[in-house]
C-alpha atoms as a PDB file:
ATOM      1  CA  UNK A   1      67.435  69.746 141.779  1.00  0.00           C
ATOM      2  CA  UNK A   2      68.667  72.599 139.598  1.00  0.00           C
ATOM      3  CA  UNK A   3      66.188  75.442 139.328  1.00  0.00           C
ATOM      4  CA  UNK A   4      64.704  76.351 135.965  1.00  0.00           C
ATOM      5  CA  UNK A   5      66.576  79.685 136.184  1.00  0.00           C
ATOM      6  CA  UNK A   6      69.896  77.904 136.792  1.00  0.00           C
ATOM      7  CA  UNK A   7      69.238  75.501 133.900  1.00  0.00           C
ATOM      8  CA  UNK A   8      68.420  78.445 131.573  1.00  0.00           C
ATOM      9  CA  UNK A   9      71.700  80.136 132.535  1.00  0.00           C
ATOM     10  CA  UNK A  10      73.741  76.957 132.189  1.00  0.00           C
ATOM     11  CA  UNK A  11      72.131  76.248 128.809  1.00  0.00           C
ATOM     12  CA  UNK A  12      73.241  79.719 127.681  1.00  0.00           C
ATOM     13  CA  UNK A  13      76.811  78.962 128.829  1.00  0.00           C
ATOM     14  CA  UNK A  14      76.697  75.681 126.898  1.00  0.00           C
ATOM     15  CA  UNK A  15      76.073  77.581 123.670  1.00  0.00           C
ATOM     16  CA  UNK A  16      79.608  78.925 123.929  1.00  0.00           C
ATOM     17  CA  UNK A  17      81.175  75.473 123.458  1.00  0.00           C
ATOM     18  CA  UNK A  18      80.872  72.600 120.931  1.00  0.00           C
ATOM     19  CA  UNK A  19      78.028  70.258 121.757  1.00  0.00           C
ATOM     20  CA  UNK A  20      80.356  67.411 122.564  1.00  0.00           C
ATOM     21  CA  UNK A  21      82.419  69.514 125.036  1.00  0.00           C
ATOM     22  CA  UNK A  22      79.803  70.101 127.771  1.00  0.00           C
ATOM     23  CA  UNK A  23      82.484  69.799 130.446  1.00  0.00           C
ATOM     24  CA  UNK A  24      83.929  73.110 129.269  1.00  0.00           C
ATOM     25  CA  UNK A  25      80.953  74.859 130.967  1.00  0.00           C
ATOM     26  CA  UNK A  26      81.615  73.316 134.395  1.00  0.00           C
ATOM     27  CA  UNK A  27      83.154  76.465 135.906  1.00  0.00           C
ATOM     28  CA  UNK A  28      80.258  78.637 134.763  1.00  0.00           C
ATOM     29  CA  UNK A  29      77.710  76.094 135.869  1.00  0.00           C
ATOM     30  CA  UNK A  30      79.247  75.825 139.347  1.00  0.00           C
ATOM     31  CA  UNK A  31      79.321  79.621 139.632  1.00  0.00           C
ATOM     32  CA  UNK A  32      75.674  79.865 138.590  1.00  0.00           C
ATOM     33  CA  UNK A  33      74.556  77.331 141.181  1.00  0.00           C
ATOM     34  CA  UNK A  34      76.735  78.872 143.908  1.00  0.00           C
ATOM     35  CA  UNK A  35      75.343  82.314 143.208  1.00  0.00           C
ATOM     36  CA  UNK A  36      71.806  80.973 143.516  1.00  0.00           C
ATOM     37  CA  UNK A  37      72.400  78.830 146.638  1.00  0.00           C
ATOM     38  CA  UNK A  38      75.169  80.768 148.380  1.00  0.00           C
ATOM     39  CA  UNK A  39      77.600  77.833 148.408  1.00  0.00           C
ATOM     40  CA  UNK A  40      78.192  74.427 146.778  1.00  0.00           C
ATOM     41  CA  UNK A  41      77.152  71.350 148.650  1.00  0.00           C
ATOM     42  CA  UNK A  42      78.240  67.891 147.419  1.00  0.00           C
ATOM     43  CA  UNK A  43      74.692  67.444 146.192  1.00  0.00           C
ATOM     44  CA  UNK A  44      74.903  70.707 144.206  1.00  0.00           C
ATOM     45  CA  UNK A  45      78.131  69.622 142.610  1.00  0.00           C
ATOM     46  CA  UNK A  46      76.566  66.229 141.734  1.00  0.00           C
ATOM     47  CA  UNK A  47      73.573  67.984 140.190  1.00  0.00           C
ATOM     48  CA  UNK A  48      75.852  70.092 138.009  1.00  0.00           C
ATOM     49  CA  UNK A  49      77.816  67.025 136.910  1.00  0.00           C
ATOM     50  CA  UNK A  50      74.634  65.112 136.096  1.00  0.00           C
ATOM     51  CA  UNK A  51      73.204  67.996 134.077  1.00  0.00           C
ATOM     52  CA  UNK A  52      76.404  68.415 132.094  1.00  0.00           C
ATOM     53  CA  UNK A  53      76.703  64.668 131.644  1.00  0.00           C
ATOM     54  CA  UNK A  54      80.213  64.513 133.065  1.00  0.00           C
ATOM     55  CA  UNK A  55      81.701  62.346 135.816  1.00  0.00           C
ATOM     56  CA  UNK A  56      80.971  63.708 139.270  1.00  0.00           C
ATOM     57  CA  UNK A  57      84.675  63.704 140.081  1.00  0.00           C
ATOM     58  CA  UNK A  58      85.319  66.113 137.181  1.00  0.00           C
ATOM     59  CA  UNK A  59      83.024  68.704 138.678  1.00  0.00           C
ATOM     60  CA  UNK A  60      84.343  68.040 142.186  1.00  0.00           C
ATOM     61  CA  UNK A  61      87.952  68.559 141.044  1.00  0.00           C
ATOM     62  CA  UNK A  62      87.094  71.992 139.708  1.00  0.00           C
ATOM     63  CA  UNK A  63      85.064  73.004 142.801  1.00  0.00           C
ATOM     64  CA  UNK A  64      87.833  71.982 145.141  1.00  0.00           C
ATOM     65  CA  UNK A  65      90.698  73.419 143.135  1.00  0.00           C
ATOM     66  CA  UNK A  66      89.576  77.039 142.739  1.00  0.00           C
ATOM     67  CA  UNK A  67      89.148  79.178 145.864  1.00  0.00           C
ATOM     68  CA  UNK A  68      86.229  81.094 144.364  1.00  0.00           C
ATOM     69  CA  UNK A  69      83.973  78.137 145.076  1.00  0.00           C
ATOM     70  CA  UNK A  70      82.648  77.751 148.606  1.00  0.00           C
ATOM     71  CA  UNK A  71      82.131  74.241 149.811  1.00  0.00           C
ATOM     72  CA  UNK A  72      80.504  75.365 153.071  1.00  0.00           C
ATOM     73  CA  UNK A  73      78.206  78.269 153.984  1.00  0.00           C
ATOM     74  CA  UNK A  74      79.999  81.609 154.009  1.00  0.00           C
ATOM     75  CA  UNK A  75      77.494  84.125 155.292  1.00  0.00           C
ATOM     76  CA  UNK A  76      75.838  86.930 153.408  1.00  0.00           C
ATOM     77  CA  UNK A  77      79.089  88.719 152.506  1.00  0.00           C
ATOM     78  CA  UNK A  78      82.295  86.848 151.681  1.00  0.00           C
ATOM     79  CA  UNK A  79      85.156  89.266 152.133  1.00  0.00           C
ATOM     80  CA  UNK A  80      88.247  87.935 150.345  1.00  0.00           C
ATOM     81  CA  UNK A  81      91.475  89.813 150.876  1.00  0.00           C
ATOM     82  CA  UNK A  82      94.427  89.167 148.568  1.00  0.00           C
ATOM     83  CA  UNK A  83      97.521  88.250 150.566  1.00  0.00           C
ATOM     84  CA  UNK A  84      99.934  87.479 147.746  1.00  0.00           C
ATOM     85  CA  UNK A  85     103.231  89.298 147.466  1.00  0.00           C
ATOM     86  CA  UNK A  86     102.156  92.534 145.733  1.00  0.00           C
ATOM     87  CA  UNK A  87      99.283  93.070 148.174  1.00  0.00           C
ATOM     88  CA  UNK A  88     101.421  92.035 151.136  1.00  0.00           C
ATOM     89  CA  UNK A  89     104.122  94.519 150.176  1.00  0.00           C
ATOM     90  CA  UNK A  90     101.450  97.264 150.036  1.00  0.00           C
ATOM     91  CA  UNK A  91      99.834  96.534 153.373  1.00  0.00           C
ATOM     92  CA  UNK A  92      97.400  93.636 153.059  1.00  0.00           C
ATOM     93  CA  UNK A  93      98.599  92.229 156.396  1.00  0.00           C
ATOM     94  CA  UNK A  94      97.413  95.464 158.082  1.00  0.00           C
ATOM     95  CA  UNK A  95      94.078  95.202 156.273  1.00  0.00           C
ATOM     96  CA  UNK A  96      93.645  91.568 157.331  1.00  0.00           C
ATOM     97  CA  UNK A  97      94.507  92.309 160.963  1.00  0.00           C
ATOM     98  CA  UNK A  98      92.052  95.204 160.988  1.00  0.00           C
ATOM     99  CA  UNK A  99      89.266  93.124 159.483  1.00  0.00           C
ATOM    100  CA  UNK A 100      89.878  90.278 161.923  1.00  0.00           C
ATOM    101  CA  UNK A 101      89.606  92.737 164.818  1.00  0.00           C
ATOM    102  CA  UNK A 102      86.624  94.606 163.359  1.00  0.00           C
ATOM    103  CA  UNK A 103      84.636  91.501 162.474  1.00  0.00           C
ATOM    104  CA  UNK A 104      85.871  89.332 165.319  1.00  0.00           C
ATOM    105  CA  UNK A 105      86.663  86.397 163.059  1.00  0.00           C
ATOM    106  CA  UNK A 106      89.680  84.753 161.490  1.00  0.00           C
ATOM    107  CA  UNK A 107      89.991  83.366 157.982  1.00  0.00           C
ATOM    108  CA  UNK A 108      87.210  80.936 157.024  1.00  0.00           C
ATOM    109  CA  UNK A 109      85.020  81.936 159.970  1.00  0.00           C
ATOM    110  CA  UNK A 110      81.558  83.527 159.864  1.00  0.00           C
ATOM    111  CA  UNK A 111      80.492  86.353 162.168  1.00  0.00           C
ATOM    112  CA  UNK A 112      77.889  85.332 164.782  1.00  0.00           C
ATOM    113  CA  UNK A 113      75.180  87.304 162.906  1.00  0.00           C
ATOM    114  CA  UNK A 114      75.903  85.327 159.722  1.00  0.00           C
ATOM    115  CA  UNK A 115      76.706  88.502 157.717  1.00  0.00           C
ATOM    116  CA  UNK A 116      80.439  88.229 157.079  1.00  0.00           C
ATOM    117  CA  UNK A 117      83.030  85.554 156.296  1.00  0.00           C
ATOM    118  CA  UNK A 118      86.659  86.467 155.942  1.00  0.00           C
ATOM    119  CA  UNK A 119      88.672  84.631 153.331  1.00  0.00           C
ATOM    120  CA  UNK A 120      92.287  84.711 152.247  1.00  0.00           C
ATOM    121  CA  UNK A 121      92.627  85.112 148.516  1.00  0.00           C
ATOM    122  CA  UNK A 122      95.279  84.147 146.031  1.00  0.00           C
ATOM    123  CA  UNK A 123      96.384  86.657 143.419  1.00  0.00           C
ATOM    124  CA  UNK A 124      93.421  88.456 141.989  1.00  0.00           C
ATOM    125  CA  UNK A 125      95.321  89.779 138.991  1.00  0.00           C
ATOM    126  CA  UNK A 126      95.213  93.473 139.867  1.00  0.00           C
ATOM    127  CA  UNK A 127      98.612  93.964 141.451  1.00  0.00           C
ATOM    128  CA  UNK A 128      98.683  97.585 140.373  1.00  0.00           C
ATOM    129  CA  UNK A 129      95.728  98.318 142.680  1.00  0.00           C
ATOM    130  CA  UNK A 130      97.153  96.481 145.691  1.00  0.00           C
ATOM    131  CA  UNK A 131      96.051  95.901 148.355  1.00  0.00           C
ATOM    132  CA  UNK A 132      92.659  94.705 147.273  1.00  0.00           C
ATOM    133  CA  UNK A 133      89.665  92.616 148.213  1.00  0.00           C
ATOM    134  CA  UNK A 134      86.538  91.118 146.709  1.00  0.00           C
ATOM    135  CA  UNK A 135      83.063  91.059 148.136  1.00  0.00           C
ATOM    136  CA  UNK A 136      81.205  87.901 147.105  1.00  0.00           C
ATOM    137  CA  UNK A 137      83.550  87.362 144.136  1.00  0.00           C
ATOM    138  CA  UNK A 138      81.846  90.270 142.404  1.00  0.00           C
ATOM    139  CA  UNK A 139      82.820  93.669 143.755  1.00  0.00           C
ATOM    140  CA  UNK A 140      86.500  94.408 143.681  1.00  0.00           C
ATOM    141  CA  UNK A 141      87.949  97.164 145.856  1.00  0.00           C
ATOM    142  CA  UNK A 142      91.497  98.365 145.174  1.00  0.00           C
ATOM    143  CA  UNK A 143      93.987 100.690 146.893  1.00  0.00           C
ATOM    144  CA  UNK A 144      92.646  99.711 150.284  1.00  0.00           C
ATOM    145  CA  UNK A 145      93.234 101.711 153.419  1.00  0.00           C
ATOM    146  CA  UNK A 146      91.810 101.100 156.902  1.00  0.00           C
ATOM    147  CA  UNK A 147      89.397 103.960 156.327  1.00  0.00           C
ATOM    148  CA  UNK A 148      88.285 102.632 152.965  1.00  0.00           C
ATOM    149  CA  UNK A 149      87.771  99.151 154.390  1.00  0.00           C
ATOM    150  CA  UNK A 150      85.671 100.570 157.255  1.00  0.00           C
ATOM    151  CA  UNK A 151      83.479 102.471 154.779  1.00  0.00           C
ATOM    152  CA  UNK A 152      82.963  99.364 152.642  1.00  0.00           C
ATOM    153  CA  UNK A 153      82.025  97.181 155.617  1.00  0.00           C
ATOM    154  CA  UNK A 154      79.708  99.851 157.044  1.00  0.00           C
ATOM    155  CA  UNK A 155      78.025 100.090 153.616  1.00  0.00           C
ATOM    156  CA  UNK A 156      77.305  96.378 153.715  1.00  0.00           C
ATOM    157  CA  UNK A 157      75.746  96.435 157.169  1.00  0.00           C
END
């Protein structure tokens, strides 16, 4: 069941669209629920669809298409490293290898303490700051070096 806080936030998002276009708020609604719960279960997606009054498959299509939605638990900190061409050309492979060694996990794995999950990201739209990564889809870090990555990870511990 959606929390009153989530409903309030979704209702605010709905004000941005015509009343008969509730489906337009599906991305925001999924983000709100994921932020609150940490990830999107099938039940969470169904709840969003029911609240918006849209077919469940419409919400599921969005949740499974975009890599910003997590369909399984991801740990406290989701570290997403861009590996597209601009980032790759500027050293994202080195950053990924370092993080895999430092955290002891591969992509889509969670550290034993439940703190970190490493994800591979598609283009994040900041090629001029490559290589880059997001923490929990909120904090973006650009111009990464091994030293900068270490400082970021240590700051999260």
